[in-house]
Structure formats: structure tokens, C-alpha cells
């Protein structure tokens, strides 16, 4: 699995994520976006949904499970609102919007 394959999959699934979970945007960050991943690297995915929508733990786990099942790697899903400003700066340097 490489950066381009991850991005391609996320692009194909974007309508599904939006229609099913109301995800406004999704992006790749971290080692895979930089191209310095190792065989042990996880896949870091940033997402956002409207502030008035709550993503239940069940739905969060459903998304994570689907992604991990496809990628055969651990996936860290991070909602942009959960990032502290300093961390957000760091994440946005590597972020590839899908």
C-alpha cells in the first residue's frame, strides 16, 4: 500500500463517507503523506463533519474497521476539531486533501 493507492481509495469512497457519515472532507497526513512510511507505519486520516453532527463510537469504529480491512494496516482517524492548534499546524503541513 502506498500514498497514491490510499488517496485513490479515499477519493472513490468520498461520496459514501459523505452520504453515510456526513464527512465533509477527508485527508491523509503523517508518514504515508510524506512518503517516509515503513512496514510498521499506521495510516493517519484527518476528517471533518459538521459541528452539530455527532459521530457515534459505533460509526467511528465502522469507518475505522472498513479502512483497516481494506488497507490491512492500523488506521488512526482524527477529527480536525479534536486537534490542538499547535498539532493542527503540524498536521496541515503533511495533509493531502482528498
N, C-alpha and C. Protein backbone atom coordinates (compact mmCIF):
# COMPACT_ATOMS: atom_id res chain seq x y z
N UNK A 1 0.86 -1.17 0.00
CA UNK A 1 0.00 0.00 0.00
C UNK A 1 0.90 1.23 0.00
N UNK A 2 0.61 2.15 -0.92
CA UNK A 2 1.39 3.39 -0.94
C UNK A 2 0.44 4.59 -0.94
N UNK A 3 1.03 5.77 -0.90
CA UNK A 3 0.27 7.01 -0.80
C UNK A 3 -0.77 7.12 -1.92
N UNK A 4 -0.38 6.86 -3.14
CA UNK A 4 -1.30 7.01 -4.26
C UNK A 4 -2.48 6.05 -4.18
N UNK A 5 -2.23 4.83 -3.74
CA UNK A 5 -3.31 3.85 -3.59
C UNK A 5 -4.28 4.27 -2.48
N UNK A 6 -3.74 4.80 -1.40
CA UNK A 6 -4.59 5.28 -0.30
C UNK A 6 -5.45 6.43 -0.77
N UNK A 7 -4.84 7.40 -1.43
CA UNK A 7 -5.57 8.57 -1.91
C UNK A 7 -6.65 8.14 -2.91
N UNK A 8 -6.31 7.26 -3.81
CA UNK A 8 -7.28 6.78 -4.81
C UNK A 8 -8.49 6.13 -4.12
N UNK A 9 -8.23 5.28 -3.14
CA UNK A 9 -9.32 4.61 -2.43
C UNK A 9 -10.20 5.64 -1.71
N UNK A 10 -9.57 6.58 -1.02
CA UNK A 10 -10.34 7.60 -0.29
C UNK A 10 -11.16 8.46 -1.25
N UNK A 11 -10.60 8.77 -2.41
CA UNK A 11 -11.36 9.54 -3.41
C UNK A 11 -12.58 8.76 -3.89
N UNK A 12 -12.40 7.49 -4.15
CA UNK A 12 -13.52 6.66 -4.60
C UNK A 12 -14.60 6.54 -3.53
N UNK A 13 -14.20 6.50 -2.27
CA UNK A 13 -15.15 6.30 -1.17
C UNK A 13 -15.70 7.60 -0.60
N UNK A 14 -15.19 8.74 -1.06
CA UNK A 14 -15.63 10.04 -0.53
C UNK A 14 -17.15 10.21 -0.56
N UNK A 15 -17.83 9.92 -1.68
CA UNK A 15 -19.30 10.06 -1.67
C UNK A 15 -19.96 9.17 -0.60
N UNK A 16 -19.47 7.97 -0.44
CA UNK A 16 -20.01 7.07 0.59
C UNK A 16 -19.81 7.66 1.98
N UNK A 17 -18.60 8.15 2.26
CA UNK A 17 -18.33 8.74 3.58
C UNK A 17 -19.22 9.96 3.82
N UNK A 18 -19.44 10.73 2.79
CA UNK A 18 -20.28 11.92 2.95
C UNK A 18 -21.74 11.52 3.16
N UNK A 19 -22.25 10.66 2.32
CA UNK A 19 -23.67 10.28 2.40
C UNK A 19 -24.00 9.47 3.64
N UNK A 20 -23.08 8.63 4.07
CA UNK A 20 -23.35 7.74 5.20
C UNK A 20 -23.01 8.38 6.55
N UNK A 21 -21.90 9.12 6.60
CA UNK A 21 -21.42 9.64 7.88
C UNK A 21 -21.37 11.16 7.94
N UNK A 22 -21.75 11.82 6.85
CA UNK A 22 -21.75 13.29 6.76
C UNK A 22 -20.35 13.87 6.87
N UNK A 23 -19.35 13.14 6.42
CA UNK A 23 -17.97 13.63 6.44
C UNK A 23 -17.81 14.63 5.31
N UNK A 24 -17.40 15.86 5.69
CA UNK A 24 -17.23 16.94 4.71
C UNK A 24 -15.94 16.83 3.92
N UNK A 25 -14.88 16.49 4.62
CA UNK A 25 -13.62 16.27 3.92
C UNK A 25 -12.83 15.21 4.64
N UNK A 26 -11.92 14.65 3.88
CA UNK A 26 -11.05 13.61 4.41
C UNK A 26 -9.68 13.82 3.78
N UNK A 27 -8.64 13.57 4.55
CA UNK A 27 -7.30 13.76 4.03
C UNK A 27 -6.31 12.83 4.70
N UNK A 28 -5.19 12.68 4.05
CA UNK A 28 -4.11 11.81 4.51
C UNK A 28 -2.99 12.68 5.08
N UNK A 29 -2.47 12.30 6.25
CA UNK A 29 -1.32 13.01 6.80
C UNK A 29 -0.39 12.00 7.43
N UNK A 30 0.74 12.47 7.91
CA UNK A 30 1.70 11.58 8.57
C UNK A 30 2.66 10.95 7.59
N UNK A 31 3.23 9.84 8.01
CA UNK A 31 4.31 9.22 7.24
C UNK A 31 3.91 8.83 5.82
N UNK A 32 2.68 8.36 5.62
CA UNK A 32 2.27 7.98 4.26
C UNK A 32 2.15 9.20 3.36
N UNK A 33 1.69 10.32 3.89
CA UNK A 33 1.58 11.51 3.04
C UNK A 33 2.95 12.07 2.69
N UNK A 34 3.91 11.90 3.60
CA UNK A 34 5.27 12.38 3.36
C UNK A 34 6.08 11.41 2.50
N UNK A 35 5.63 10.16 2.44
CA UNK A 35 6.36 9.16 1.67
C UNK A 35 7.49 8.52 2.44
N UNK A 36 7.48 8.65 3.78
CA UNK A 36 8.55 8.04 4.57
C UNK A 36 8.03 6.94 5.50
N UNK A 37 6.95 6.29 5.06
CA UNK A 37 6.36 5.21 5.85
C UNK A 37 7.27 3.99 5.87
N UNK A 38 7.08 3.18 6.89
CA UNK A 38 7.77 1.90 6.99
C UNK A 38 6.71 0.80 6.99
N UNK A 39 7.14 -0.44 7.01
CA UNK A 39 6.17 -1.54 7.02
C UNK A 39 5.32 -1.53 8.29
N UNK A 40 5.80 -0.89 9.35
CA UNK A 40 5.06 -0.83 10.61
C UNK A 40 4.23 0.44 10.78
N UNK A 41 4.28 1.33 9.81
CA UNK A 41 3.56 2.60 9.91
C UNK A 41 2.05 2.39 9.88
N UNK A 42 1.35 3.21 10.66
CA UNK A 42 -0.10 3.23 10.55
C UNK A 42 -0.48 4.28 9.51
N UNK A 43 -1.75 4.34 9.18
CA UNK A 43 -2.25 5.31 8.21
C UNK A 43 -3.04 6.35 9.00
N UNK A 44 -2.62 7.61 8.87
CA UNK A 44 -3.25 8.72 9.59
C UNK A 44 -4.21 9.45 8.66
N UNK A 45 -5.47 9.51 9.08
CA UNK A 45 -6.50 10.13 8.26
C UNK A 45 -7.21 11.20 9.08
N UNK A 46 -7.26 12.39 8.51
CA UNK A 46 -7.96 13.51 9.12
C UNK A 46 -9.31 13.66 8.44
N UNK A 47 -10.34 13.95 9.23
CA UNK A 47 -11.67 14.13 8.65
C UNK A 47 -12.40 15.24 9.37
N UNK A 48 -13.47 15.70 8.78
CA UNK A 48 -14.31 16.69 9.43
C UNK A 48 -15.77 16.42 9.09
N UNK A 49 -16.61 16.70 10.06
CA UNK A 49 -18.06 16.67 9.87
C UNK A 49 -18.61 17.95 10.46
N UNK A 50 -19.84 18.29 10.11
CA UNK A 50 -20.46 19.49 10.67
C UNK A 50 -20.43 19.45 12.19
N UNK A 51 -20.22 20.61 12.79
CA UNK A 51 -20.10 20.70 14.25
C UNK A 51 -21.34 20.19 14.97
N UNK A 52 -22.51 20.32 14.35
CA UNK A 52 -23.74 19.90 15.01
C UNK A 52 -24.01 18.40 14.87
N UNK A 53 -23.14 17.70 14.16
CA UNK A 53 -23.31 16.25 13.99
C UNK A 53 -22.33 15.52 14.90
N UNK A 54 -22.84 14.55 15.60
CA UNK A 54 -22.01 13.72 16.47
C UNK A 54 -21.78 12.38 15.77
N UNK A 55 -20.53 11.99 15.68
CA UNK A 55 -20.20 10.69 15.12
C UNK A 55 -20.13 9.71 16.28
N UNK A 56 -21.07 8.80 16.34
CA UNK A 56 -21.11 7.85 17.45
C UNK A 56 -19.89 6.94 17.41
N UNK A 57 -19.60 6.36 18.55
CA UNK A 57 -18.48 5.41 18.63
C UNK A 57 -18.71 4.26 17.66
N UNK A 58 -19.93 3.80 17.54
CA UNK A 58 -20.25 2.71 16.61
C UNK A 58 -19.88 3.10 15.17
N UNK A 59 -20.28 4.30 14.76
CA UNK A 59 -19.97 4.75 13.39
C UNK A 59 -18.47 4.96 13.20
N UNK A 60 -17.83 5.53 14.21
CA UNK A 60 -16.37 5.73 14.15
C UNK A 60 -15.67 4.39 13.95
N UNK A 61 -16.06 3.40 14.73
CA UNK A 61 -15.45 2.07 14.63
C UNK A 61 -15.78 1.41 13.29
N UNK A 62 -16.95 1.67 12.76
CA UNK A 62 -17.33 1.13 11.45
C UNK A 62 -16.42 1.68 10.36
N UNK A 63 -16.17 2.99 10.39
CA UNK A 63 -15.27 3.59 9.41
C UNK A 63 -13.86 3.02 9.56
N UNK A 64 -13.36 3.02 10.80
CA UNK A 64 -12.01 2.52 11.05
C UNK A 64 -11.87 1.07 10.61
N UNK A 65 -12.86 0.26 10.92
CA UNK A 65 -12.82 -1.15 10.55
C UNK A 65 -12.80 -1.33 9.04
N UNK A 66 -13.62 -0.57 8.34
CA UNK A 66 -13.64 -0.66 6.88
C UNK A 66 -12.28 -0.28 6.30
N UNK A 67 -11.71 0.81 6.78
CA UNK A 67 -10.42 1.27 6.27
C UNK A 67 -9.32 0.27 6.59
N UNK A 68 -9.29 -0.21 7.81
CA UNK A 68 -8.26 -1.18 8.20
C UNK A 68 -8.42 -2.49 7.42
N UNK A 69 -9.65 -2.87 7.15
CA UNK A 69 -9.88 -4.08 6.38
C UNK A 69 -9.37 -3.95 4.95
N UNK A 70 -9.55 -2.78 4.37
CA UNK A 70 -9.08 -2.58 3.01
C UNK A 70 -7.56 -2.42 2.95
N UNK A 71 -7.02 -1.59 3.86
CA UNK A 71 -5.59 -1.29 3.81
C UNK A 71 -4.72 -2.36 4.47
N UNK A 72 -5.32 -3.21 5.29
CA UNK A 72 -4.57 -4.21 6.06
C UNK A 72 -3.49 -3.55 6.92
N UNK A 73 -3.86 -2.41 7.48
CA UNK A 73 -2.97 -1.65 8.36
C UNK A 73 -3.83 -0.96 9.40
N UNK A 74 -3.21 -0.61 10.52
CA UNK A 74 -3.91 0.18 11.54
C UNK A 74 -4.16 1.57 10.97
N UNK A 75 -5.35 2.09 11.25
CA UNK A 75 -5.72 3.43 10.78
C UNK A 75 -6.05 4.29 12.00
N UNK A 76 -5.45 5.48 12.04
CA UNK A 76 -5.79 6.47 13.06
C UNK A 76 -6.68 7.51 12.40
N UNK A 77 -7.93 7.57 12.84
CA UNK A 77 -8.89 8.57 12.35
C UNK A 77 -8.91 9.73 13.32
N UNK A 78 -8.67 10.92 12.82
CA UNK A 78 -8.60 12.10 13.68
C UNK A 78 -9.56 13.16 13.14
N UNK A 79 -10.47 13.59 14.00
CA UNK A 79 -11.39 14.67 13.62
C UNK A 79 -10.65 15.99 13.79
N UNK A 80 -10.73 16.85 12.80
CA UNK A 80 -9.95 18.09 12.82
C UNK A 80 -10.27 18.94 14.05
N UNK A 81 -11.50 18.92 14.51
CA UNK A 81 -11.88 19.70 15.70
C UNK A 81 -11.17 19.23 16.96
N UNK A 82 -10.69 18.00 16.95
CA UNK A 82 -10.03 17.44 18.13
C UNK A 82 -8.57 17.85 18.24
N UNK A 83 -8.04 18.47 17.19
CA UNK A 83 -6.62 18.85 17.20
C UNK A 83 -6.40 20.17 17.91
N UNK A 84 -5.41 20.21 18.76
CA UNK A 84 -5.00 21.47 19.38
C UNK A 84 -4.30 22.30 18.31
N UNK A 85 -4.34 23.63 18.42
CA UNK A 85 -3.78 24.49 17.37
C UNK A 85 -2.34 24.15 16.96
N UNK A 86 -1.47 23.88 17.90
CA UNK A 86 -0.07 23.56 17.57
C UNK A 86 0.01 22.26 16.78
N UNK A 87 -0.75 21.27 17.19
CA UNK A 87 -0.76 19.98 16.49
C UNK A 87 -1.38 20.15 15.11
N UNK A 88 -2.44 20.95 15.02
CA UNK A 88 -3.11 21.19 13.74
C UNK A 88 -2.13 21.77 12.72
N UNK A 89 -1.29 22.71 13.17
CA UNK A 89 -0.26 23.29 12.30
C UNK A 89 0.64 22.20 11.74
N UNK A 90 1.09 21.32 12.60
CA UNK A 90 1.99 20.23 12.21
C UNK A 90 1.29 19.29 11.22
N UNK A 91 0.07 18.93 11.52
CA UNK A 91 -0.69 18.01 10.67
C UNK A 91 -0.93 18.63 9.29
N UNK A 92 -1.27 19.90 9.26
CA UNK A 92 -1.61 20.54 7.99
C UNK A 92 -0.41 20.67 7.06
N UNK A 93 0.79 20.62 7.60
CA UNK A 93 1.98 20.64 6.74
C UNK A 93 2.05 19.41 5.84
N UNK A 94 1.63 18.28 6.39
CA UNK A 94 1.70 17.00 5.67
C UNK A 94 0.40 16.64 4.96
N UNK A 95 -0.67 17.36 5.24
CA UNK A 95 -2.01 16.95 4.82
C UNK A 95 -2.20 16.98 3.31
N UNK A 96 -2.74 15.89 2.80
CA UNK A 96 -3.15 15.80 1.40
C UNK A 96 -4.67 15.65 1.41
N UNK A 97 -5.37 16.70 0.97
CA UNK A 97 -6.83 16.64 0.92
C UNK A 97 -7.26 15.71 -0.20
N UNK A 98 -8.31 14.97 0.06
CA UNK A 98 -8.84 14.04 -0.95
C UNK A 98 -10.06 14.66 -1.59
